[in-house]
């Protein structure tokens, strides 16, 4: 499980780098360690929820992201497209990790 997560997070890091380069507004700034750690925590939480048989973790994740987005909307320069695509990639990576662990980890 740890190997799949580490390799996946390396791929995710590269993916998010290019995503930010092409979709994020210029005001969003450069590398941010806090965002990196938050993303890893989000995908790990999704992965654990999926592996534990709790697909509702996806609903909770969506609700948390939307509520956070609504309260930060006025001061945040991140575009809706970047926000949506980034979150969809996070969910996709967590689902891929779960699939790899469930099917190749046996």
N, C-alpha and C. Protein backbone atom coordinates (compact mmCIF):
# COMPACT_ATOMS: atom_id res chain seq x y z
N UNK A 1 0.82 -1.19 0.00
CA UNK A 1 0.00 0.00 0.00
C UNK A 1 0.87 1.26 0.00
N UNK A 2 1.89 1.26 0.81
CA UNK A 2 2.75 2.43 0.92
C UNK A 2 3.48 2.69 -0.40
N UNK A 3 3.93 1.62 -1.06
CA UNK A 3 4.64 1.78 -2.33
C UNK A 3 3.72 2.39 -3.38
N UNK A 4 2.48 1.91 -3.47
CA UNK A 4 1.52 2.46 -4.43
C UNK A 4 1.27 3.93 -4.13
N UNK A 5 1.15 4.28 -2.87
CA UNK A 5 0.90 5.66 -2.49
C UNK A 5 2.09 6.56 -2.82
N UNK A 6 3.29 6.11 -2.51
CA UNK A 6 4.48 6.94 -2.78
C UNK A 6 4.69 7.15 -4.27
N UNK A 7 4.62 6.07 -5.05
CA UNK A 7 4.79 6.20 -6.50
C UNK A 7 3.66 7.05 -7.08
N UNK A 8 2.45 6.81 -6.63
CA UNK A 8 1.31 7.59 -7.10
C UNK A 8 1.45 9.06 -6.78
N UNK A 9 1.95 9.38 -5.60
CA UNK A 9 2.11 10.79 -5.22
C UNK A 9 3.21 11.47 -6.03
N UNK A 10 4.22 10.72 -6.44
CA UNK A 10 5.22 11.30 -7.34
C UNK A 10 4.59 11.65 -8.68
N UNK A 11 3.79 10.73 -9.21
CA UNK A 11 3.08 10.99 -10.47
C UNK A 11 2.08 12.13 -10.28
N UNK A 12 1.39 12.14 -9.16
CA UNK A 12 0.43 13.21 -8.87
C UNK A 12 1.14 14.56 -8.79
N UNK A 13 2.30 14.60 -8.17
CA UNK A 13 3.05 15.84 -8.07
C UNK A 13 3.39 16.41 -9.43
N UNK A 14 3.82 15.55 -10.33
CA UNK A 14 4.13 15.98 -11.70
C UNK A 14 2.86 16.45 -12.40
N UNK A 15 1.79 15.69 -12.24
CA UNK A 15 0.51 16.05 -12.87
C UNK A 15 0.03 17.41 -12.37
N UNK A 16 0.06 17.63 -11.06
CA UNK A 16 -0.41 18.89 -10.50
C UNK A 16 0.51 20.06 -10.87
N UNK A 17 1.79 19.79 -11.05
CA UNK A 17 2.71 20.84 -11.51
C UNK A 17 2.28 21.36 -12.88
N UNK A 18 2.02 20.44 -13.81
CA UNK A 18 1.60 20.84 -15.15
C UNK A 18 0.19 21.44 -15.15
N UNK A 19 -0.67 20.90 -14.31
CA UNK A 19 -2.02 21.44 -14.19
C UNK A 19 -1.97 22.89 -13.72
N UNK A 20 -1.17 23.15 -12.70
CA UNK A 20 -1.04 24.51 -12.18
C UNK A 20 -0.44 25.44 -13.23
N UNK A 21 0.54 24.93 -13.95
CA UNK A 21 1.21 25.73 -14.98
C UNK A 21 0.24 26.16 -16.09
N UNK A 22 -0.71 25.30 -16.43
CA UNK A 22 -1.60 25.57 -17.55
C UNK A 22 -2.97 26.12 -17.16
N UNK A 23 -3.45 25.85 -15.96
CA UNK A 23 -4.81 26.26 -15.59
C UNK A 23 -4.88 27.29 -14.47
N UNK A 24 -3.87 27.35 -13.64
CA UNK A 24 -3.93 28.27 -12.49
C UNK A 24 -3.65 29.70 -12.94
N UNK A 25 -4.33 30.65 -12.34
CA UNK A 25 -4.03 32.05 -12.64
C UNK A 25 -2.62 32.42 -12.18
N UNK A 26 -2.06 33.45 -12.75
CA UNK A 26 -0.70 33.88 -12.42
C UNK A 26 -0.57 34.27 -10.95
N UNK A 27 -1.64 34.76 -10.33
CA UNK A 27 -1.58 35.22 -8.94
C UNK A 27 -1.46 34.07 -7.95
N UNK A 28 -1.61 32.83 -8.40
CA UNK A 28 -1.63 31.71 -7.46
C UNK A 28 -0.27 31.42 -6.85
N UNK A 29 0.80 31.95 -7.41
CA UNK A 29 2.12 31.79 -6.81
C UNK A 29 2.80 30.50 -7.21
N UNK A 30 3.94 30.25 -6.60
CA UNK A 30 4.76 29.08 -6.92
C UNK A 30 4.46 27.90 -6.02
N UNK A 31 5.49 27.10 -5.80
CA UNK A 31 5.38 25.90 -4.98
C UNK A 31 4.96 26.26 -3.57
N UNK A 32 4.04 25.47 -3.03
CA UNK A 32 3.52 25.72 -1.70
C UNK A 32 3.50 24.40 -0.94
N UNK A 33 4.36 24.27 0.06
CA UNK A 33 4.47 23.02 0.83
C UNK A 33 3.16 22.68 1.54
N UNK A 34 2.46 23.69 2.03
CA UNK A 34 1.19 23.48 2.72
C UNK A 34 0.16 22.83 1.78
N UNK A 35 0.08 23.32 0.55
CA UNK A 35 -0.85 22.75 -0.43
C UNK A 35 -0.46 21.32 -0.78
N UNK A 36 0.84 21.07 -0.89
CA UNK A 36 1.32 19.72 -1.18
C UNK A 36 0.90 18.74 -0.09
N UNK A 37 1.15 19.12 1.15
CA UNK A 37 0.79 18.24 2.28
C UNK A 37 -0.71 18.06 2.40
N UNK A 38 -1.47 19.13 2.15
CA UNK A 38 -2.92 19.03 2.21
C UNK A 38 -3.43 18.07 1.13
N UNK A 39 -2.87 18.15 -0.06
CA UNK A 39 -3.27 17.25 -1.14
C UNK A 39 -2.96 15.80 -0.82
N UNK A 40 -1.79 15.55 -0.26
CA UNK A 40 -1.43 14.18 0.12
C UNK A 40 -2.39 13.67 1.19
N UNK A 41 -2.71 14.51 2.16
CA UNK A 41 -3.67 14.11 3.21
C UNK A 41 -5.04 13.83 2.61
N UNK A 42 -5.49 14.67 1.69
CA UNK A 42 -6.79 14.46 1.05
C UNK A 42 -6.83 13.12 0.33
N UNK A 43 -5.83 12.85 -0.51
CA UNK A 43 -5.83 11.59 -1.28
C UNK A 43 -5.66 10.38 -0.37
N UNK A 44 -4.88 10.51 0.69
CA UNK A 44 -4.72 9.39 1.64
C UNK A 44 -6.03 9.13 2.36
N UNK A 45 -6.74 10.17 2.76
CA UNK A 45 -8.03 10.01 3.41
C UNK A 45 -9.03 9.34 2.48
N UNK A 46 -9.06 9.78 1.23
CA UNK A 46 -9.94 9.14 0.24
C UNK A 46 -9.57 7.68 0.06
N UNK A 47 -8.28 7.40 -0.05
CA UNK A 47 -7.82 6.02 -0.24
C UNK A 47 -8.24 5.13 0.93
N UNK A 48 -7.99 5.58 2.13
CA UNK A 48 -8.36 4.78 3.31
C UNK A 48 -9.86 4.55 3.35
N UNK A 49 -10.64 5.57 3.05
CA UNK A 49 -12.09 5.42 3.03
C UNK A 49 -12.54 4.42 1.99
N UNK A 50 -11.96 4.49 0.79
CA UNK A 50 -12.34 3.55 -0.27
C UNK A 50 -11.92 2.12 0.08
N UNK A 51 -10.71 1.96 0.61
CA UNK A 51 -10.24 0.62 0.97
C UNK A 51 -11.04 0.03 2.13
N UNK A 52 -11.53 0.88 3.01
CA UNK A 52 -12.31 0.41 4.16
C UNK A 52 -13.76 0.13 3.80
N UNK A 53 -14.11 0.39 2.54
CA UNK A 53 -15.48 0.11 2.11
C UNK A 53 -16.45 1.25 2.39
N UNK A 54 -15.93 2.45 2.51
CA UNK A 54 -16.77 3.61 2.77
C UNK A 54 -16.72 4.58 1.58
N UNK A 55 -17.44 4.27 0.50
CA UNK A 55 -17.41 5.17 -0.66
C UNK A 55 -18.01 6.54 -0.35
N UNK A 56 -18.71 6.65 0.77
CA UNK A 56 -19.31 7.93 1.16
C UNK A 56 -18.24 8.96 1.50
N UNK A 57 -17.00 8.51 1.63
CA UNK A 57 -15.91 9.45 1.87
C UNK A 57 -15.82 10.43 0.70
N UNK A 58 -16.23 10.01 -0.49
CA UNK A 58 -16.24 10.90 -1.65
C UNK A 58 -17.25 12.03 -1.47
N UNK A 59 -18.40 11.71 -0.89
CA UNK A 59 -19.42 12.73 -0.62
C UNK A 59 -18.92 13.71 0.43
N UNK A 60 -18.32 13.19 1.47
CA UNK A 60 -17.79 14.06 2.53
C UNK A 60 -16.70 14.97 1.98
N UNK A 61 -15.84 14.41 1.14
CA UNK A 61 -14.77 15.18 0.52
C UNK A 61 -15.36 16.33 -0.31
N UNK A 62 -16.35 16.01 -1.12
CA UNK A 62 -16.98 17.03 -1.95
C UNK A 62 -17.62 18.14 -1.11
N UNK A 63 -18.30 17.74 -0.05
CA UNK A 63 -18.94 18.74 0.82
C UNK A 63 -17.91 19.63 1.49
N UNK A 64 -16.83 19.05 1.96
CA UNK A 64 -15.78 19.84 2.60
C UNK A 64 -15.13 20.80 1.61
N UNK A 65 -14.87 20.33 0.41
CA UNK A 65 -14.21 21.17 -0.59
C UNK A 65 -15.12 22.34 -1.00
N UNK A 66 -16.40 22.06 -1.18
CA UNK A 66 -17.33 23.12 -1.58
C UNK A 66 -17.48 24.14 -0.46
N UNK A 67 -17.64 23.66 0.77
CA UNK A 67 -17.82 24.61 1.88
C UNK A 67 -16.56 25.45 2.08
N UNK A 68 -15.42 24.86 1.92
CA UNK A 68 -14.16 25.61 2.02
C UNK A 68 -14.06 26.62 0.90
N UNK A 69 -14.44 26.24 -0.29
CA UNK A 69 -14.37 27.12 -1.45
C UNK A 69 -15.31 28.32 -1.29
N UNK A 70 -16.49 28.09 -0.74
CA UNK A 70 -17.45 29.17 -0.58
C UNK A 70 -16.96 30.23 0.41
N UNK A 71 -16.32 29.81 1.49
CA UNK A 71 -15.87 30.77 2.49
C UNK A 71 -14.61 31.49 2.05
N UNK A 72 -13.83 30.90 1.16
CA UNK A 72 -12.58 31.53 0.72
C UNK A 72 -12.72 32.22 -0.63
N UNK A 73 -13.89 32.18 -1.23
CA UNK A 73 -14.09 32.67 -2.60
C UNK A 73 -13.64 34.12 -2.80
N UNK A 74 -13.95 35.00 -1.88
CA UNK A 74 -13.65 36.41 -2.07
C UNK A 74 -12.13 36.69 -2.08
N UNK A 75 -11.36 35.95 -1.29
CA UNK A 75 -9.93 36.24 -1.20
C UNK A 75 -9.07 35.30 -2.03
N UNK A 76 -9.68 34.37 -2.74
CA UNK A 76 -8.93 33.36 -3.48
C UNK A 76 -8.91 33.68 -4.96
N UNK A 77 -7.74 33.54 -5.58
CA UNK A 77 -7.59 33.84 -6.99
C UNK A 77 -7.57 32.58 -7.86
N UNK A 78 -7.88 31.43 -7.27
CA UNK A 78 -7.85 30.19 -8.03
C UNK A 78 -9.11 30.10 -8.88
N UNK A 79 -8.94 29.78 -10.16
CA UNK A 79 -10.08 29.70 -11.06
C UNK A 79 -10.93 28.47 -10.76
N UNK A 80 -12.19 28.54 -11.12
CA UNK A 80 -13.09 27.41 -10.91
C UNK A 80 -12.63 26.19 -11.70
N UNK A 81 -12.12 26.40 -12.92
CA UNK A 81 -11.66 25.28 -13.73
C UNK A 81 -10.49 24.57 -13.06
N UNK A 82 -9.53 25.33 -12.58
CA UNK A 82 -8.37 24.76 -11.89
C UNK A 82 -8.81 24.01 -10.64
N UNK A 83 -9.72 24.60 -9.89
CA UNK A 83 -10.23 23.99 -8.66
C UNK A 83 -10.93 22.66 -8.97
N UNK A 84 -11.81 22.67 -9.97
CA UNK A 84 -12.56 21.47 -10.33
C UNK A 84 -11.65 20.37 -10.86
N UNK A 85 -10.79 20.71 -11.81
CA UNK A 85 -9.91 19.71 -12.40
C UNK A 85 -8.95 19.15 -11.35
N UNK A 86 -8.42 20.00 -10.51
CA UNK A 86 -7.52 19.53 -9.46
C UNK A 86 -8.19 18.55 -8.50
N UNK A 87 -9.41 18.85 -8.11
CA UNK A 87 -10.13 17.95 -7.20
C UNK A 87 -10.52 16.64 -7.89
N UNK A 88 -10.89 16.71 -9.15
CA UNK A 88 -11.19 15.49 -9.89
C UNK A 88 -9.95 14.61 -10.02
N UNK A 89 -8.80 15.23 -10.26
CA UNK A 89 -7.56 14.45 -10.31
C UNK A 89 -7.25 13.83 -8.96
N UNK A 90 -7.49 14.54 -7.86
CA UNK A 90 -7.26 13.96 -6.54
C UNK A 90 -8.12 12.72 -6.32
N UNK A 91 -9.39 12.82 -6.69
CA UNK A 91 -10.29 11.67 -6.55
C UNK A 91 -9.83 10.54 -7.46
N UNK A 92 -9.46 10.86 -8.69
CA UNK A 92 -8.99 9.85 -9.64
C UNK A 92 -7.75 9.14 -9.11
N UNK A 93 -6.78 9.89 -8.60
CA UNK A 93 -5.58 9.26 -8.06
C UNK A 93 -5.92 8.34 -6.89
N UNK A 94 -6.79 8.76 -5.98
CA UNK A 94 -7.17 7.91 -4.85
C UNK A 94 -7.85 6.64 -5.34
N UNK A 95 -8.69 6.74 -6.36
CA UNK A 95 -9.37 5.57 -6.90
C UNK A 95 -8.37 4.63 -7.58
N UNK A 96 -7.40 5.18 -8.28
CA UNK A 96 -6.36 4.36 -8.91
C UNK A 96 -5.53 3.66 -7.85
N UNK A 97 -5.16 4.38 -6.79
CA UNK A 97 -4.40 3.75 -5.70
C UNK A 97 -5.19 2.58 -5.13
N UNK A 98 -6.48 2.79 -4.88
CA UNK A 98 -7.32 1.73 -4.30
C UNK A 98 -7.41 0.55 -5.25
N UNK A 99 -7.55 0.81 -6.55
CA UNK A 99 -7.62 -0.28 -7.53
C UNK A 99 -6.32 -1.06 -7.55
N UNK A 100 -5.19 -0.35 -7.56
CA UNK A 100 -3.89 -1.04 -7.57
C UNK A 100 -3.72 -1.90 -6.33
N UNK A 101 -4.04 -1.34 -5.18
CA UNK A 101 -3.88 -2.08 -3.93
C UNK A 101 -4.81 -3.29 -3.89
N UNK A 102 -6.05 -3.12 -4.34
CA UNK A 102 -7.01 -4.22 -4.33
C UNK A 102 -6.70 -5.31 -5.34
N UNK A 103 -6.18 -4.94 -6.50
CA UNK A 103 -5.98 -5.92 -7.57
C UNK A 103 -4.57 -6.42 -7.75
N UNK A 104 -3.59 -5.61 -7.44
CA UNK A 104 -2.20 -6.02 -7.64
C UNK A 104 -1.50 -6.36 -6.35
N UNK A 105 -2.09 -5.97 -5.25
CA UNK A 105 -1.47 -6.22 -3.94
C UNK A 105 -1.74 -7.59 -3.39
N UNK A 106 -2.45 -8.40 -4.15
CA UNK A 106 -2.81 -9.74 -3.64
C UNK A 106 -1.74 -10.76 -3.95
